[in-house]
Amino acid sequence: MTEKINKSMGIMEIIEKQPKAAEVMQEYGLHCIGCMDSQFESLEQGCNAHGIEDEKIDEMIDAINKLEDKE
């Protein structure tokens, strides 16, 4: 079983594990490509900088993890 994505992971780490995650992140408002390789240490930090609420971060993570379940 592959490690599930979580909000403490780096954005690029998540995309490396699940390339389609970038599409999901964009749908939730992490829209600029600069976010993908930015100075943010974690997905949560990047989302907070974009004003994405914790509830939406959790939804985003669930959506990303479901991508892997479909493969």
PDB file of N, CA and C in Angstrom:
ATOM      1  N   MET A   1       0.842  -1.199   0.000  1.00  0.00           N
ATOM      2  CA  MET A   1       0.000   0.000   0.000  1.00  0.00           C
ATOM      3  C   MET A   1       0.877   1.249   0.000  1.00  0.00           C
ATOM      4  N   THR A   2       0.546   2.182  -0.831  1.00  0.00           N
ATOM      5  CA  THR A   2       1.296   3.416  -0.950  1.00  0.00           C
ATOM      6  C   THR A   2       0.922   4.367   0.183  1.00  0.00           C
ATOM      7  N   GLU A   3       1.900   5.144   0.619  1.00  0.00           N
ATOM      8  CA  GLU A   3       1.674   6.121   1.666  1.00  0.00           C
ATOM      9  C   GLU A   3       0.628   7.144   1.222  1.00  0.00           C
ATOM     10  N   LYS A   4      -0.332   7.412   2.083  1.00  0.00           N
ATOM     11  CA  LYS A   4      -1.377   8.392   1.780  1.00  0.00           C
ATOM     12  C   LYS A   4      -0.803   9.801   1.859  1.00  0.00           C
ATOM     13  N   ILE A   5      -1.369  10.675   1.064  1.00  0.00           N
ATOM     14  CA  ILE A   5      -0.995  12.091   1.056  1.00  0.00           C
ATOM     15  C   ILE A   5      -1.524  12.732   2.338  1.00  0.00           C
ATOM     16  N   ASN A   6      -0.738  13.665   2.903  1.00  0.00           N
ATOM     17  CA  ASN A   6      -1.211  14.430   4.059  1.00  0.00           C
ATOM     18  C   ASN A   6      -0.745  15.871   3.949  1.00  0.00           C
ATOM     19  N   LYS A   7      -1.315  16.735   4.775  1.00  0.00           N
ATOM     20  CA  LYS A   7      -1.058  18.170   4.621  1.00  0.00           C
ATOM     21  C   LYS A   7       0.321  18.616   5.077  1.00  0.00           C
ATOM     22  N   SER A   8       1.070  17.744   5.733  1.00  0.00           N
ATOM     23  CA  SER A   8       2.421  18.131   6.133  1.00  0.00           C
ATOM     24  C   SER A   8       3.458  17.832   5.045  1.00  0.00           C
ATOM     25  N   MET A   9       3.036  17.150   3.984  1.00  0.00           N
ATOM     26  CA  MET A   9       3.938  16.850   2.865  1.00  0.00           C
ATOM     27  C   MET A   9       4.156  18.100   2.009  1.00  0.00           C
ATOM     28  N   GLY A  10       5.311  18.143   1.385  1.00  0.00           N
ATOM     29  CA  GLY A  10       5.607  19.231   0.471  1.00  0.00           C
ATOM     30  C   GLY A  10       4.777  19.111  -0.802  1.00  0.00           C
ATOM     31  N   ILE A  11       4.493  20.225  -1.425  1.00  0.00           N
ATOM     32  CA  ILE A  11       3.669  20.237  -2.634  1.00  0.00           C
ATOM     33  C   ILE A  11       4.309  19.409  -3.744  1.00  0.00           C
ATOM     34  N   MET A  12       5.601  19.587  -3.972  1.00  0.00           N
ATOM     35  CA  MET A  12       6.273  18.822  -5.023  1.00  0.00           C
ATOM     36  C   MET A  12       6.342  17.338  -4.671  1.00  0.00           C
ATOM     37  N   GLU A  13       6.502  17.026  -3.394  1.00  0.00           N
ATOM     38  CA  GLU A  13       6.518  15.623  -2.954  1.00  0.00           C
ATOM     39  C   GLU A  13       5.182  14.957  -3.304  1.00  0.00           C
ATOM     40  N   ILE A  14       4.085  15.681  -3.078  1.00  0.00           N
ATOM     41  CA  ILE A  14       2.758  15.154  -3.385  1.00  0.00           C
ATOM     42  C   ILE A  14       2.617  14.915  -4.889  1.00  0.00           C
ATOM     43  N   ILE A  15       3.047  15.875  -5.686  1.00  0.00           N
ATOM     44  CA  ILE A  15       2.923  15.758  -7.144  1.00  0.00           C
ATOM     45  C   ILE A  15       3.802  14.623  -7.677  1.00  0.00           C
ATOM     46  N   GLU A  16       4.949  14.426  -7.058  1.00  0.00           N
ATOM     47  CA  GLU A  16       5.803  13.308  -7.475  1.00  0.00           C
ATOM     48  C   GLU A  16       5.134  11.971  -7.181  1.00  0.00           C
ATOM     49  N   LYS A  17       4.432  11.890  -6.058  1.00  0.00           N
ATOM     50  CA  LYS A  17       3.745  10.651  -5.689  1.00  0.00           C
ATOM     51  C   LYS A  17       2.482  10.443  -6.519  1.00  0.00           C
ATOM     52  N   GLN A  18       1.795  11.559  -6.851  1.00  0.00           N
ATOM     53  CA  GLN A  18       0.529  11.484  -7.575  1.00  0.00           C
ATOM     54  C   GLN A  18       0.450  12.673  -8.541  1.00  0.00           C
ATOM     55  N   PRO A  19       0.950  12.504  -9.761  1.00  0.00           N
ATOM     56  CA  PRO A  19       1.003  13.613 -10.720  1.00  0.00           C
ATOM     57  C   PRO A  19      -0.339  14.316 -10.956  1.00  0.00           C
ATOM     58  N   LYS A  20      -1.435  13.585 -10.894  1.00  0.00           N
ATOM     59  CA  LYS A  20      -2.744  14.210 -11.110  1.00  0.00           C
ATOM     60  C   LYS A  20      -3.173  15.095  -9.947  1.00  0.00           C
ATOM     61  N   ALA A  21      -2.418  15.080  -8.863  1.00  0.00           N
ATOM     62  CA  ALA A  21      -2.737  15.916  -7.706  1.00  0.00           C
ATOM     63  C   ALA A  21      -2.711  17.404  -8.056  1.00  0.00           C
ATOM     64  N   ALA A  22      -1.872  17.782  -9.011  1.00  0.00           N
ATOM     65  CA  ALA A  22      -1.781  19.191  -9.405  1.00  0.00           C
ATOM     66  C   ALA A  22      -3.137  19.710  -9.884  1.00  0.00           C
ATOM     67  N   GLU A  23      -3.859  18.870 -10.630  1.00  0.00           N
ATOM     68  CA  GLU A  23      -5.183  19.268 -11.115  1.00  0.00           C
ATOM     69  C   GLU A  23      -6.147  19.491  -9.951  1.00  0.00           C
ATOM     70  N   VAL A  24      -6.095  18.598  -8.976  1.00  0.00           N
ATOM     71  CA  VAL A  24      -6.973  18.722  -7.807  1.00  0.00           C
ATOM     72  C   VAL A  24      -6.613  19.981  -7.020  1.00  0.00           C
ATOM     73  N   MET A  25      -5.323  20.221  -6.824  1.00  0.00           N
ATOM     74  CA  MET A  25      -4.884  21.412  -6.091  1.00  0.00           C
ATOM     75  C   MET A  25      -5.390  22.679  -6.764  1.00  0.00           C
ATOM     76  N   GLN A  26      -5.330  22.712  -8.085  1.00  0.00           N
ATOM     77  CA  GLN A  26      -5.803  23.879  -8.822  1.00  0.00           C
ATOM     78  C   GLN A  26      -7.307  24.070  -8.636  1.00  0.00           C
ATOM     79  N   GLU A  27      -8.059  22.983  -8.612  1.00  0.00           N
ATOM     80  CA  GLU A  27      -9.500  23.074  -8.410  1.00  0.00           C
ATOM     81  C   GLU A  27      -9.845  23.680  -7.049  1.00  0.00           C
ATOM     82  N   TYR A  28      -8.991  23.459  -6.071  1.00  0.00           N
ATOM     83  CA  TYR A  28      -9.228  23.966  -4.718  1.00  0.00           C
ATOM     84  C   TYR A  28      -8.604  25.337  -4.472  1.00  0.00           C
ATOM     85  N   GLY A  29      -8.026  25.937  -5.491  1.00  0.00           N
ATOM     86  CA  GLY A  29      -7.539  27.304  -5.355  1.00  0.00           C
ATOM     87  C   GLY A  29      -6.036  27.455  -5.246  1.00  0.00           C
ATOM     88  N   LEU A  30      -5.310  26.376  -5.292  1.00  0.00           N
ATOM     89  CA  LEU A  30      -3.849  26.451  -5.329  1.00  0.00           C
ATOM     90  C   LEU A  30      -3.492  26.535  -6.807  1.00  0.00           C
ATOM     91  N   HIS A  31      -3.780  27.695  -7.405  1.00  0.00           N
ATOM     92  CA  HIS A  31      -3.874  27.824  -8.848  1.00  0.00           C
ATOM     93  C   HIS A  31      -2.614  28.253  -9.578  1.00  0.00           C
ATOM     94  N   CYS A  32      -1.700  28.918  -8.931  1.00  0.00           N
ATOM     95  CA  CYS A  32      -0.537  29.396  -9.693  1.00  0.00           C
ATOM     96  C   CYS A  32       0.538  28.318  -9.718  1.00  0.00           C
ATOM     97  N   ILE A  33       1.130  28.130 -10.858  1.00  0.00           N
ATOM     98  CA  ILE A  33       2.149  27.087 -11.010  1.00  0.00           C
ATOM     99  C   ILE A  33       3.341  27.364 -10.108  1.00  0.00           C
ATOM    100  N   GLY A  34       3.542  28.610  -9.742  1.00  0.00           N
ATOM    101  CA  GLY A  34       4.616  28.960  -8.805  1.00  0.00           C
ATOM    102  C   GLY A  34       4.468  28.264  -7.472  1.00  0.00           C
ATOM    103  N   CYS A  35       3.232  27.954  -7.098  1.00  0.00           N
ATOM    104  CA  CYS A  35       2.992  27.247  -5.836  1.00  0.00           C
ATOM    105  C   CYS A  35       3.615  25.869  -5.864  1.00  0.00           C
ATOM    106  N   MET A  36       3.666  25.299  -7.036  1.00  0.00           N
ATOM    107  CA  MET A  36       4.095  23.915  -7.151  1.00  0.00           C
ATOM    108  C   MET A  36       5.569  23.729  -6.787  1.00  0.00           C
ATOM    109  N   ASP A  37       6.368  24.756  -6.963  1.00  0.00           N
ATOM    110  CA  ASP A  37       7.783  24.615  -6.613  1.00  0.00           C
ATOM    111  C   ASP A  37       8.243  25.793  -5.755  1.00  0.00           C
ATOM    112  N   SER A  38       7.358  26.268  -4.924  1.00  0.00           N
ATOM    113  CA  SER A  38       7.620  27.465  -4.136  1.00  0.00           C
ATOM    114  C   SER A  38       8.386  27.170  -2.857  1.00  0.00           C
ATOM    115  N   GLN A  39       8.455  28.171  -2.042  1.00  0.00           N
ATOM    116  CA  GLN A  39       9.152  28.087  -0.768  1.00  0.00           C
ATOM    117  C   GLN A  39       8.309  27.430   0.314  1.00  0.00           C
ATOM    118  N   PHE A  40       7.066  27.086   0.020  1.00  0.00           N
ATOM    119  CA  PHE A  40       6.213  26.478   1.036  1.00  0.00           C
ATOM    120  C   PHE A  40       6.751  25.109   1.424  1.00  0.00           C
ATOM    121  N   GLU A  41       6.889  24.895   2.721  1.00  0.00           N
ATOM    122  CA  GLU A  41       7.415  23.625   3.209  1.00  0.00           C
ATOM    123  C   GLU A  41       6.375  22.521   3.194  1.00  0.00           C
ATOM    124  N   SER A  42       5.090  22.899   3.205  1.00  0.00           N
ATOM    125  CA  SER A  42       4.039  21.882   3.240  1.00  0.00           C
ATOM    126  C   SER A  42       2.823  22.342   2.445  1.00  0.00           C
ATOM    127  N   LEU A  43       1.990  21.385   2.111  1.00  0.00           N
ATOM    128  CA  LEU A  43       0.727  21.694   1.441  1.00  0.00           C
ATOM    129  C   LEU A  43      -0.099  22.629   2.311  1.00  0.00           C
ATOM    130  N   GLU A  44      -0.139  22.359   3.607  1.00  0.00           N
ATOM    131  CA  GLU A  44      -0.917  23.193   4.524  1.00  0.00           C
ATOM    132  C   GLU A  44      -0.427  24.641   4.502  1.00  0.00           C
ATOM    133  N   GLN A  45       0.877  24.844   4.510  1.00  0.00           N
ATOM    134  CA  GLN A  45       1.439  26.197   4.492  1.00  0.00           C
ATOM    135  C   GLN A  45       1.068  26.922   3.193  1.00  0.00           C
ATOM    136  N   GLY A  46       1.148  26.227   2.066  1.00  0.00           N
ATOM    137  CA  GLY A  46       0.771  26.828   0.787  1.00  0.00           C
ATOM    138  C   GLY A  46      -0.705  27.185   0.754  1.00  0.00           C
ATOM    139  N   CYS A  47      -1.539  26.292   1.277  1.00  0.00           N
ATOM    140  CA  CYS A  47      -2.981  26.552   1.308  1.00  0.00           C
ATOM    141  C   CYS A  47      -3.310  27.727   2.213  1.00  0.00           C
ATOM    142  N   ASN A  48      -2.669  27.782   3.366  1.00  0.00           N
ATOM    143  CA  ASN A  48      -2.913  28.893   4.283  1.00  0.00           C
ATOM    144  C   ASN A  48      -2.523  30.224   3.646  1.00  0.00           C
ATOM    145  N   ALA A  49      -1.437  30.234   2.893  1.00  0.00           N
ATOM    146  CA  ALA A  49      -1.003  31.455   2.214  1.00  0.00           C
ATOM    147  C   ALA A  49      -2.019  31.901   1.163  1.00  0.00           C
ATOM    148  N   HIS A  50      -2.792  30.950   0.646  1.00  0.00           N
ATOM    149  CA  HIS A  50      -3.812  31.258  -0.357  1.00  0.00           C
ATOM    150  C   HIS A  50      -5.202  31.424   0.252  1.00  0.00           C
ATOM    151  N   GLY A  51      -5.291  31.380   1.585  1.00  0.00           N
ATOM    152  CA  GLY A  51      -6.563  31.581   2.252  1.00  0.00           C
ATOM    153  C   GLY A  51      -7.518  30.399   2.148  1.00  0.00           C
ATOM    154  N   ILE A  52      -6.983  29.215   1.921  1.00  0.00           N
ATOM    155  CA  ILE A  52      -7.816  28.015   1.822  1.00  0.00           C
ATOM    156  C   ILE A  52      -8.053  27.491   3.231  1.00  0.00           C
ATOM    157  N   GLU A  53      -9.322  27.327   3.588  1.00  0.00           N
ATOM    158  CA  GLU A  53      -9.692  26.918   4.940  1.00  0.00           C
ATOM    159  C   GLU A  53      -9.328  25.460   5.194  1.00  0.00           C
ATOM    160  N   ASP A  54      -9.147  25.130   6.484  1.00  0.00           N
ATOM    161  CA  ASP A  54      -8.757  23.774   6.882  1.00  0.00           C
ATOM    162  C   ASP A  54      -9.704  22.717   6.336  1.00  0.00           C
ATOM    163  N   GLU A  55     -10.993  22.994   6.364  1.00  0.00           N
ATOM    164  CA  GLU A  55     -11.981  22.035   5.862  1.00  0.00           C
ATOM    165  C   GLU A  55     -11.735  21.724   4.383  1.00  0.00           C
ATOM    166  N   LYS A  56     -11.423  22.764   3.613  1.00  0.00           N
ATOM    167  CA  LYS A  56     -11.151  22.576   2.181  1.00  0.00           C
ATOM    168  C   LYS A  56      -9.826  21.853   1.957  1.00  0.00           C
ATOM    169  N   ILE A  57      -8.858  22.095   2.828  1.00  0.00           N
ATOM    170  CA  ILE A  57      -7.585  21.378   2.723  1.00  0.00           C
ATOM    171  C   ILE A  57      -7.840  19.885   2.910  1.00  0.00           C
ATOM    172  N   ASP A  58      -8.638  19.547   3.919  1.00  0.00           N
ATOM    173  CA  ASP A  58      -8.958  18.136   4.171  1.00  0.00           C
ATOM    174  C   ASP A  58      -9.698  17.519   2.985  1.00  0.00           C
ATOM    175  N   GLU A  59     -10.634  18.278   2.394  1.00  0.00           N
ATOM    176  CA  GLU A  59     -11.354  17.790   1.211  1.00  0.00           C
ATOM    177  C   GLU A  59     -10.387  17.545   0.055  1.00  0.00           C
ATOM    178  N   MET A  60      -9.448  18.472  -0.126  1.00  0.00           N
ATOM    179  CA  MET A  60      -8.457  18.353  -1.190  1.00  0.00           C
ATOM    180  C   MET A  60      -7.614  17.095  -0.997  1.00  0.00           C
ATOM    181  N   ILE A  61      -7.156  16.858   0.211  1.00  0.00           N
ATOM    182  CA  ILE A  61      -6.341  15.688   0.501  1.00  0.00           C
ATOM    183  C   ILE A  61      -7.133  14.412   0.239  1.00  0.00           C
ATOM    184  N   ASP A  62      -8.391  14.394   0.665  1.00  0.00           N
ATOM    185  CA  ASP A  62      -9.239  13.226   0.400  1.00  0.00           C
ATOM    186  C   ASP A  62      -9.373  12.979  -1.102  1.00  0.00           C
ATOM    187  N   ALA A  63      -9.576  14.062  -1.865  1.00  0.00           N
ATOM    188  CA  ALA A  63      -9.719  13.940  -3.319  1.00  0.00           C
ATOM    189  C   ALA A  63      -8.437  13.406  -3.951  1.00  0.00           C
ATOM    190  N   ILE A  64      -7.297  13.866  -3.475  1.00  0.00           N
ATOM    191  CA  ILE A  64      -6.016  13.390  -4.006  1.00  0.00           C
ATOM    192  C   ILE A  64      -5.818  11.919  -3.676  1.00  0.00           C
ATOM    193  N   ASN A  65      -6.116  11.547  -2.440  1.00  0.00           N
ATOM    194  CA  ASN A  65      -5.963  10.134  -2.046  1.00  0.00           C
ATOM    195  C   ASN A  65      -6.916   9.233  -2.814  1.00  0.00           C
ATOM    196  N   LYS A  66      -8.077   9.733  -3.176  1.00  0.00           N
ATOM    197  CA  LYS A  66      -9.030   8.939  -3.957  1.00  0.00           C
ATOM    198  C   LYS A  66      -8.524   8.708  -5.374  1.00  0.00           C
ATOM    199  N   LEU A  67      -7.719   9.622  -5.902  1.00  0.00           N
ATOM    200  CA  LEU A  67      -7.115   9.436  -7.223  1.00  0.00           C
ATOM    201  C   LEU A  67      -6.307   8.148  -7.242  1.00  0.00           C
ATOM    202  N   GLU A  68      -5.549   7.944  -6.199  1.00  0.00           N
ATOM    203  CA  GLU A  68      -4.693   6.766  -6.113  1.00  0.00           C
ATOM    204  C   GLU A  68      -5.536   5.500  -6.009  1.00  0.00           C
ATOM    205  N   ASP A  69      -6.645   5.578  -5.281  1.00  0.00           N
ATOM    206  CA  ASP A  69      -7.522   4.421  -5.123  1.00  0.00           C
ATOM    207  C   ASP A  69      -8.117   3.974  -6.467  1.00  0.00           C
ATOM    208  N   LYS A  70      -8.292   4.929  -7.396  1.00  0.00           N
ATOM    209  CA  LYS A  70      -8.892   4.634  -8.702  1.00  0.00           C
ATOM    210  C   LYS A  70      -7.915   3.949  -9.652  1.00  0.00           C
ATOM    211  N   GLU A  71      -6.628   4.120  -9.406  1.00  0.00           N
ATOM    212  CA  GLU A  71      -5.614   3.581 -10.331  1.00  0.00           C
ATOM    213  C   GLU A  71      -5.439   2.092 -10.187  1.00  0.00           C
TER     214      GLU A  71
END
